[in-house]
Structures are given as C-alpha cells and as structure tokens.
C-alpha atoms as a PDB file:
ATOM      1  CA  MET A   1     -12.362   8.767 -19.457  1.00  0.00           C
ATOM      2  CA  GLY A   2     -15.597   7.799 -17.218  1.00  0.00           C
ATOM      3  CA  LEU A   3     -18.651   9.826 -17.126  1.00  0.00           C
ATOM      4  CA  PHE A   4     -17.768  11.167 -13.456  1.00  0.00           C
ATOM      5  CA  ASP A   5     -14.047  12.095 -14.657  1.00  0.00           C
ATOM      6  CA  LYS A   6     -15.741  14.431 -17.225  1.00  0.00           C
ATOM      7  CA  PHE A   7     -17.781  16.103 -14.533  1.00  0.00           C
ATOM      8  CA  LYS A   8     -14.993  16.880 -12.643  1.00  0.00           C
ATOM      9  CA  LYS A   9     -13.003  18.426 -15.445  1.00  0.00           C
ATOM     10  CA  LYS A  10     -16.260  20.580 -16.652  1.00  0.00           C
ATOM     11  CA  ASN A  11     -15.535  23.861 -18.723  1.00  0.00           C
ATOM     12  CA  GLU A  12     -13.430  26.013 -16.144  1.00  0.00           C
ATOM     13  CA  LEU A  13     -15.482  29.089 -18.203  1.00  0.00           C
ATOM     14  CA  LEU A  14     -18.008  28.800 -15.970  1.00  0.00           C
ATOM     15  CA  ASP A  15     -16.037  30.196 -12.889  1.00  0.00           C
ATOM     16  CA  ASN A  16     -13.946  32.977 -15.056  1.00  0.00           C
ATOM     17  CA  GLU A  17     -16.418  36.083 -15.237  1.00  0.00           C
ATOM     18  CA  GLN A  18     -13.982  37.621 -17.788  1.00  0.00           C
ATOM     19  CA  ASN A  19     -15.225  35.065 -20.224  1.00  0.00           C
ATOM     20  CA  GLU A  20     -18.674  34.909 -22.426  1.00  0.00           C
ATOM     21  CA  GLU A  21     -21.149  33.815 -20.135  1.00  0.00           C
ATOM     22  CA  ILE A  22     -22.485  29.759 -21.123  1.00  0.00           C
ATOM     23  CA  GLU A  23     -25.793  29.000 -20.893  1.00  0.00           C
ATOM     24  CA  ALA A  24     -26.780  26.648 -17.911  1.00  0.00           C
ATOM     25  CA  LEU A  25     -29.869  25.187 -19.746  1.00  0.00           C
ATOM     26  CA  GLY A  26     -30.222  22.175 -17.535  1.00  0.00           C
ATOM     27  CA  TRP A  27     -30.191  24.042 -14.379  1.00  0.00           C
ATOM     28  CA  ASP A  28     -32.757  26.419 -15.958  1.00  0.00           C
ATOM     29  CA  ALA A  29     -34.966  23.081 -16.524  1.00  0.00           C
ATOM     30  CA  ILE A  30     -34.784  22.237 -12.937  1.00  0.00           C
ATOM     31  CA  ASP A  31     -35.693  25.761 -12.152  1.00  0.00           C
ATOM     32  CA  LYS A  32     -38.472  25.608 -14.394  1.00  0.00           C
ATOM     33  CA  LEU A  33     -40.070  22.422 -12.823  1.00  0.00           C
ATOM     34  CA  CYS A  34     -39.383  24.183  -8.959  1.00  0.00           C
ATOM     35  CA  ASP A  35     -41.470  27.144 -10.468  1.00  0.00           C
ATOM     36  CA  LYS A  36     -44.096  24.694 -11.225  1.00  0.00           C
ATOM     37  CA  VAL A  37     -44.089  22.934  -7.906  1.00  0.00           C
ATOM     38  CA  TYR A  38     -43.852  26.372  -5.737  1.00  0.00           C
ATOM     39  CA  PRO A  39     -44.896  29.088  -7.971  1.00  0.00           C
ATOM     40  CA  ASN A  40     -44.954  31.646  -5.083  1.00  0.00           C
ATOM     41  CA  GLN A  41     -41.403  30.963  -3.897  1.00  0.00           C
ATOM     42  CA  LYS A  42     -39.034  32.612  -6.657  1.00  0.00           C
ATOM     43  CA  ASN A  43     -36.213  32.709  -4.029  1.00  0.00           C
ATOM     44  CA  PRO A  44     -35.909  29.833  -1.834  1.00  0.00           C
ATOM     45  CA  LYS A  45     -33.148  29.148   0.259  1.00  0.00           C
ATOM     46  CA  HIS A  46     -30.289  27.848  -1.874  1.00  0.00           C
ATOM     47  CA  TYR A  47     -26.848  26.844  -0.735  1.00  0.00           C
ATOM     48  CA  GLY A  48     -24.037  26.623  -3.298  1.00  0.00           C
ATOM     49  CA  ALA A  49     -20.684  24.739  -3.195  1.00  0.00           C
ATOM     50  CA  MET A  50     -17.935  26.921  -1.751  1.00  0.00           C
ATOM     51  CA  ILE A  51     -15.433  25.505  -4.108  1.00  0.00           C
ATOM     52  CA  LYS A  52     -16.759  23.456  -7.030  1.00  0.00           C
ATOM     53  CA  TRP A  53     -15.976  20.112  -7.613  1.00  0.00           C
ATOM     54  CA  ARG A  54     -14.471  20.572 -11.061  1.00  0.00           C
ATOM     55  CA  LEU A  55     -12.137  22.752  -9.634  1.00  0.00           C
ATOM     56  CA  GLY A  56     -10.742  20.579  -6.520  1.00  0.00           C
ATOM     57  CA  GLY A  57     -13.519  21.108  -4.129  1.00  0.00           C
ATOM     58  CA  ASN A  58     -15.158  18.402  -1.704  1.00  0.00           C
ATOM     59  CA  ASP A  59     -18.718  19.378  -2.754  1.00  0.00           C
ATOM     60  CA  PRO A  60     -19.965  17.340  -6.101  1.00  0.00           C
ATOM     61  CA  LEU A  61     -23.286  19.352  -5.984  1.00  0.00           C
ATOM     62  CA  ASP A  62     -23.089  23.152  -7.437  1.00  0.00           C
ATOM     63  CA  GLY A  63     -25.845  23.928  -5.023  1.00  0.00           C
ATOM     64  CA  ILE A  64     -29.138  22.877  -3.109  1.00  0.00           C
ATOM     65  CA  SER A  65     -32.283  24.517  -3.190  1.00  0.00           C
ATOM     66  CA  VAL A  66     -34.603  24.297  -0.227  1.00  0.00           C
ATOM     67  CA  TYR A  67     -38.348  25.082  -0.732  1.00  0.00           C
ATOM     68  CA  ASP A  68     -40.921  25.878   2.336  1.00  0.00           C
ATOM     69  CA  GLY A  69     -43.368  22.757   1.869  1.00  0.00           C
ATOM     70  CA  GLY A  70     -45.817  24.381   4.939  1.00  0.00           C
ATOM     71  CA  ASP A  71     -44.485  21.648   7.626  1.00  0.00           C
ATOM     72  CA  TYR A  72     -41.548  20.713   5.953  1.00  0.00           C
ATOM     73  CA  TRP A  73     -38.510  21.743   4.084  1.00  0.00           C
ATOM     74  CA  HIS A  74     -37.979  20.419   0.624  1.00  0.00           C
ATOM     75  CA  PHE A  75     -34.360  19.908  -0.756  1.00  0.00           C
ATOM     76  CA  ILE A  76     -33.432  19.543  -4.521  1.00  0.00           C
ATOM     77  CA  THR A  77     -30.223  18.934  -5.452  1.00  0.00           C
ATOM     78  CA  TYR A  78     -28.171  20.479  -8.611  1.00  0.00           C
ATOM     79  CA  GLY A  79     -25.290  18.756  -9.979  1.00  0.00           C
ATOM     80  CA  LEU A  80     -26.228  15.221 -10.689  1.00  0.00           C
ATOM     81  CA  SER A  81     -27.236  16.052 -14.093  1.00  0.00           C
ATOM     82  CA  GLU A  82     -25.575  17.971 -16.808  1.00  0.00           C
ATOM     83  CA  LEU A  83     -26.452  21.525 -15.748  1.00  0.00           C
ATOM     84  CA  TYR A  84     -24.498  23.328 -18.114  1.00  0.00           C
ATOM     85  CA  GLU A  85     -23.008  22.019 -21.610  1.00  0.00           C
ATOM     86  CA  LYS A  86     -23.808  18.436 -22.812  1.00  0.00           C
ATOM     87  CA  GLU A  87     -20.658  16.480 -22.137  1.00  0.00           C
ATOM     88  CA  SER A  88     -21.531  12.840 -21.678  1.00  0.00           C
ATOM     89  CA  GLU A  89     -22.216  10.685 -24.809  1.00  0.00           C
ATOM     90  CA  ASP A  90     -25.580   9.323 -23.528  1.00  0.00           C
ATOM     91  CA  LYS A  91     -28.064  11.309 -25.575  1.00  0.00           C
ATOM     92  CA  GLU A  92     -31.038   9.977 -23.885  1.00  0.00           C
ATOM     93  CA  TRP A  93     -30.058  10.860 -19.882  1.00  0.00           C
ATOM     94  CA  SER A  94     -28.571  13.952 -18.553  1.00  0.00           C
ATOM     95  CA  GLY A  95     -25.263  13.135 -16.829  1.00  0.00           C
ATOM     96  CA  TYR A  96     -26.118  10.863 -14.095  1.00  0.00           C
ATOM     97  CA  GLY A  97     -30.067  10.853 -15.375  1.00  0.00           C
ATOM     98  CA  MET A  98     -30.798  12.093 -11.586  1.00  0.00           C
ATOM     99  CA  GLU A  99     -31.124  14.755  -8.797  1.00  0.00           C
ATOM    100  CA  LEU A 100     -31.761  13.965  -4.919  1.00  0.00           C
ATOM    101  CA  THR A 101     -34.675  15.255  -3.022  1.00  0.00           C
ATOM    102  CA  LEU A 102     -35.659  15.069   0.865  1.00  0.00           C
ATOM    103  CA  LYS A 103     -38.354  16.524   2.700  1.00  0.00           C
ATOM    104  CA  LEU A 104     -37.570  17.426   6.293  1.00  0.00           C
ATOM    105  CA  LYS A 105     -40.195  17.868   8.828  1.00  0.00           C
ATOM    106  CA  LYS A 106     -40.373  21.248  10.526  1.00  0.00           C
ATOM    107  CA  ASP A 107     -39.745  20.589  14.473  1.00  0.00           C
ATOM    108  CA  HIS A 108     -38.648  22.433  17.480  1.00  0.00           C
ATOM    109  CA  TYR A 109     -35.280  22.393  16.545  1.00  0.00           C
ATOM    110  CA  GLU A 110     -32.500  24.380  18.866  1.00  0.00           C
ATOM    111  CA  ASN A 111     -31.310  25.600  15.383  1.00  0.00           C
ATOM    112  CA  GLU A 112     -33.008  25.243  12.232  1.00  0.00           C
ATOM    113  CA  GLU A 113     -30.415  26.656  10.018  1.00  0.00           C
ATOM    114  CA  ASP A 114     -28.193  24.055  11.491  1.00  0.00           C
ATOM    115  CA  GLU A 115     -30.525  21.238  10.676  1.00  0.00           C
ATOM    116  CA  ILE A 116     -30.728  22.482   7.196  1.00  0.00           C
ATOM    117  CA  ARG A 117     -27.158  22.861   6.625  1.00  0.00           C
ATOM    118  CA  CYS A 118     -26.792  19.294   8.222  1.00  0.00           C
ATOM    119  CA  ILE A 119     -28.975  17.817   5.495  1.00  0.00           C
ATOM    120  CA  CYS A 120     -27.357  19.599   2.653  1.00  0.00           C
ATOM    121  CA  GLY A 121     -23.979  18.049   3.911  1.00  0.00           C
ATOM    122  CA  ILE A 122     -25.778  14.705   3.705  1.00  0.00           C
ATOM    123  CA  LEU A 123     -27.029  15.067   0.294  1.00  0.00           C
ATOM    124  CA  GLN A 124     -23.398  16.138  -0.822  1.00  0.00           C
ATOM    125  CA  SER A 125     -21.766  12.962   0.919  1.00  0.00           C
ATOM    126  CA  ILE A 126     -24.588  11.006  -1.144  1.00  0.00           C
ATOM    127  CA  ALA A 127     -23.941  12.737  -4.314  1.00  0.00           C
ATOM    128  CA  ARG A 128     -20.126  11.916  -3.629  1.00  0.00           C
ATOM    129  CA  ILE A 129     -20.769   8.474  -3.653  1.00  0.00           C
ATOM    130  CA  THR A 130     -21.872   8.711  -7.319  1.00  0.00           C
ATOM    131  CA  PHE A 131     -18.954  10.927  -8.578  1.00  0.00           C
ATOM    132  CA  THR A 132     -16.255   8.694  -7.329  1.00  0.00           C
ATOM    133  CA  GLN A 133     -17.991   5.260  -7.457  1.00  0.00           C
ATOM    134  CA  GLY A 134     -20.150   5.988 -10.309  1.00  0.00           C
ATOM    135  CA  GLU A 135     -22.899   4.109  -8.100  1.00  0.00           C
ATOM    136  CA  LEU A 136     -26.506   5.522  -9.178  1.00  0.00           C
ATOM    137  CA  PHE A 137     -29.645   5.490  -6.556  1.00  0.00           C
ATOM    138  CA  ASN A 138     -33.022   4.238  -8.158  1.00  0.00           C
ATOM    139  CA  ALA A 139     -36.330   4.475  -6.471  1.00  0.00           C
ATOM    140  CA  TYR A 140     -37.116   1.674  -3.800  1.00  0.00           C
ATOM    141  CA  GLU A 141     -33.788   0.974  -2.537  1.00  0.00           C
ATOM    142  CA  TYR A 142     -32.266   1.586   0.885  1.00  0.00           C
ATOM    143  CA  LEU A 143     -28.820   3.299   1.935  1.00  0.00           C
ATOM    144  CA  TYR A 144     -27.627   1.782   5.097  1.00  0.00           C
ATOM    145  CA  THR A 145     -24.768   3.646   6.746  1.00  0.00           C
ATOM    146  CA  GLY A 146     -23.977   1.244   9.258  1.00  0.00           C
ATOM    147  CA  GLN A 147     -24.157   4.240  12.176  1.00  0.00           C
ATOM    148  CA  THR A 148     -26.271   3.764  14.783  1.00  0.00           C
ATOM    149  CA  THR A 149     -26.206   7.747  15.807  1.00  0.00           C
ATOM    150  CA  GLY A 150     -28.610   9.731  14.381  1.00  0.00           C
ATOM    151  CA  ILE A 151     -28.087  12.001  10.957  1.00  0.00           C
ATOM    152  CA  ASP A 152     -29.044  14.977  12.838  1.00  0.00           C
ATOM    153  CA  SER A 153     -26.645  17.798  13.635  1.00  0.00           C
ATOM    154  CA  LYS A 154     -26.828  16.737  17.296  1.00  0.00           C
ATOM    155  CA  GLY A 155     -26.517  12.988  16.365  1.00  0.00           C
ATOM    156  CA  THR A 156     -29.325  12.228  18.747  1.00  0.00           C
ATOM    157  CA  SER A 157     -32.244  11.224  16.434  1.00  0.00           C
ATOM    158  CA  ASN A 158     -33.093   7.704  15.731  1.00  0.00           C
ATOM    159  CA  ILE A 159     -32.770   8.150  12.064  1.00  0.00           C
ATOM    160  CA  THR A 160     -29.814   6.472  10.923  1.00  0.00           C
ATOM    161  CA  GLY A 161     -30.012   5.931   7.055  1.00  0.00           C
ATOM    162  CA  PHE A 162     -32.555   6.109   3.887  1.00  0.00           C
ATOM    163  CA  ILE A 163     -35.021   4.207   1.964  1.00  0.00           C
ATOM    164  CA  THR A 164     -35.805   5.905  -1.759  1.00  0.00           C
ATOM    165  CA  ILE A 165     -38.760   6.897  -3.701  1.00  0.00           C
ATOM    166  CA  PRO A 166     -39.763   8.700  -6.647  1.00  0.00           C
ATOM    167  CA  ASP A 167     -40.731  12.476  -5.286  1.00  0.00           C
ATOM    168  CA  ASP A 168     -44.464  12.707  -5.880  1.00  0.00           C
ATOM    169  CA  LYS A 169     -43.831  16.401  -6.594  1.00  0.00           C
ATOM    170  CA  PHE A 170     -40.964  16.474  -8.972  1.00  0.00           C
ATOM    171  CA  VAL A 171     -41.783  14.224 -11.833  1.00  0.00           C
ATOM    172  CA  GLU A 172     -39.032  13.284 -14.617  1.00  0.00           C
ATOM    173  CA  ILE A 173     -38.478  15.974 -16.936  1.00  0.00           C
ATOM    174  CA  ASN A 174     -36.852  16.243 -20.406  1.00  0.00           C
ATOM    175  CA  THR A 175     -34.093  18.719 -20.550  1.00  0.00           C
ATOM    176  CA  PRO A 176     -31.918  19.857 -23.355  1.00  0.00           C
ATOM    177  CA  ASN A 177     -29.322  17.794 -21.921  1.00  0.00           C
ATOM    178  CA  GLY A 178     -31.437  14.563 -21.646  1.00  0.00           C
ATOM    179  CA  LYS A 179     -33.932  13.021 -18.997  1.00  0.00           C
ATOM    180  CA  VAL A 180     -33.582  13.600 -15.154  1.00  0.00           C
ATOM    181  CA  ILE A 181     -35.554  11.835 -12.408  1.00  0.00           C
ATOM    182  CA  PHE A 182     -35.849  12.948  -8.973  1.00  0.00           C
ATOM    183  CA  VAL A 183     -34.983  10.357  -5.974  1.00  0.00           C
ATOM    184  CA  GLU A 184     -36.519  11.448  -2.595  1.00  0.00           C
ATOM    185  CA  PHE A 185     -34.482   9.840   0.204  1.00  0.00           C
ATOM    186  CA  ILE A 186     -36.738   9.135   3.539  1.00  0.00           C
ATOM    187  CA  GLY A 187     -34.944   8.945   6.410  1.00  0.00           C
ATOM    188  CA  VAL A 188     -35.140   5.603   8.591  1.00  0.00           C
ATOM    189  CA  THR A 189     -34.391   3.847  11.625  1.00  0.00           C
ATOM    190  CA  ASP A 190     -31.304   1.204  12.038  1.00  0.00           C
ATOM    191  CA  LYS A 191     -34.082  -1.066  13.387  1.00  0.00           C
ATOM    192  CA  GLU A 192     -36.326  -0.475  10.178  1.00  0.00           C
ATOM    193  CA  LEU A 193     -33.041  -0.613   7.854  1.00  0.00           C
ATOM    194  CA  ARG A 194     -32.063  -3.814   9.488  1.00  0.00           C
ATOM    195  CA  ALA A 195     -35.616  -5.348   8.995  1.00  0.00           C
ATOM    196  CA  ILE A 196     -35.499  -4.372   4.916  1.00  0.00           C
ATOM    197  CA  GLN A 197     -31.747  -6.248   5.060  1.00  0.00           C
ATOM    198  CA  ASN A 198     -33.233  -9.474   6.740  1.00  0.00           C
ATOM    199  CA  LYS A 199     -35.961  -9.294   4.359  1.00  0.00           C
ATOM    200  CA  GLU A 200     -38.769  -8.945   7.053  1.00  0.00           C
ATOM    201  CA  TYR A 201     -40.174  -5.880   5.074  1.00  0.00           C
ATOM    202  CA  SER A 202     -39.481  -4.753   1.658  1.00  0.00           C
ATOM    203  CA  VAL A 203     -38.769  -0.673   1.148  1.00  0.00           C
ATOM    204  CA  ILE A 204     -42.473  -0.557  -0.332  1.00  0.00           C
ATOM    205  CA  GLU A 205     -44.002  -2.413   2.863  1.00  0.00           C
ATOM    206  CA  LEU A 206     -41.855  -0.066   5.275  1.00  0.00           C
ATOM    207  CA  LEU A 207     -43.021   2.925   3.491  1.00  0.00           C
ATOM    208  CA  GLU A 208     -46.771   1.667   3.518  1.00  0.00           C
ATOM    209  CA  LYS A 209     -46.166   1.406   7.214  1.00  0.00           C
ATOM    210  CA  LEU A 210     -44.604   4.765   7.610  1.00  0.00           C
ATOM    211  CA  ASN A 211     -47.502   6.310   5.645  1.00  0.00           C
ATOM    212  CA  THR A 212     -45.330   9.563   5.117  1.00  0.00           C
ATOM    213  CA  ASP A 213     -42.425  10.711   3.087  1.00  0.00           C
ATOM    214  CA  VAL A 214     -41.395  13.496   5.359  1.00  0.00           C
ATOM    215  CA  THR A 215     -38.375  12.869   7.393  1.00  0.00           C
ATOM    216  CA  SER A 216     -38.923  13.434  11.093  1.00  0.00           C
ATOM    217  CA  TYR A 217     -36.143  13.208  13.630  1.00  0.00           C
ATOM    218  CA  THR A 218     -38.334  12.778  16.684  1.00  0.00           C
ATOM    219  CA  ARG A 219     -40.614   9.602  15.610  1.00  0.00           C
ATOM    220  CA  SER A 220     -39.898   6.460  16.841  1.00  0.00           C
ATOM    221  CA  SER A 221     -39.207   3.272  14.875  1.00  0.00           C
ATOM    222  CA  ILE A 222     -41.958   1.568  13.413  1.00  0.00           C
ATOM    223  CA  VAL A 223     -40.401  -1.885  13.894  1.00  0.00           C
END
C-alpha cells in the first residue's frame, strides 16, 4: 500500500461524531505556527472539504485557512501532512512532509470571495497531483500548466502557472507526526514559464526580477 493509499483510507472514526474524538496533533501543530505568524487572527477564513478524500470526495485537503496579510490574502493548506494519527512508516516526515501556501494580492476584484475560492480550488488541484501521482513539490521549482488563460476566476489575467519558494513566514516545524515544510506558490505568466523552460532564467533569477512573492493578477510579464 502506497503512502497516498494510506491517506485515502484514514480512520473513518474522524467523521463519526458518536465515536471517541481523535486528537488532531498535526493540525494543532500547524495552528500553533499560524497563531505565531498571525497572533491577532484567531478566526481566519477557513474552507473545508465538503466530502473528505478518504470518504470518496474529490478534494484531498481537509481544509485551507486564509489569513489577512495586509495587502494580500495568505493561504495555508491542511492535508498533505498527517493531521491526525501517524500512519506512514516514515518517522522523520509527516505524511508527504509539506503543506502549500500562497499570497494573493488584494485588488479591486469584482467578487473577492470568488477569487479566494478559486485559489482554494487551485491548491486542491495541486494537492491532488501529489495524492494521485505521488509527486512532491519542493522550493525553486516551477509548475507549467500548459494553459494560456489566466488562473483567476474570470480567466482573464496573465498568470497561468507557478514557481515555488520556501514560505518566508512559515518555517519548517516538527510535529508529533514528523517534520513539515511550507512550500509557497507564486503565480507567473506563460512567457515567464517558457523562459524558465528554455533556460533563459532560473527560478531564482526570475524571483529576483519579480522582487515579490505576492501573486498579482494585474501585473504584466517581466520577460
């Protein structure tokens, strides 16, 4: 049985209120870090899966919290690491050993809630790649989607894919289930992704030109 198979078949007691409550030690560890980064936001926006993956749902992440970072929304996932009991045999790492983050610039959106939910859907899609294919995402990589329409809810922005970096606010943590790193996704344009593919720029060089880790739907390509 592979690691993601074990994740699919997590103990269904978690979803049965009549059974004894199971501790969510991994979830609590992420919450503790969130409280340290955003101490004045005890009740952030949170978007949970309607039907959990282990019960046949389509969303692998149990939830995504969204914090107010001032001029951006900061997304943090829950579900690529082991949130509840330890199930994998790897004692060093918790689950896949990572969670995903993204900072979306606040802007004059027609419907800001739609854009927030759109990012949640994208993060679920990225996590689904890991769950179904076992692919891990590390810092200083890129994710080329092949699409030319924007990833925003209207599909009109220049942002079509991502590069990754270590999240500067969410450091690696040790949980009771093992270590977890936080991989931040930054939205980039098709031209920028092609420049990386053609080795005109490395991810680090492109990041230096961007000079920000905040995803902005309204910016122009820098290459």
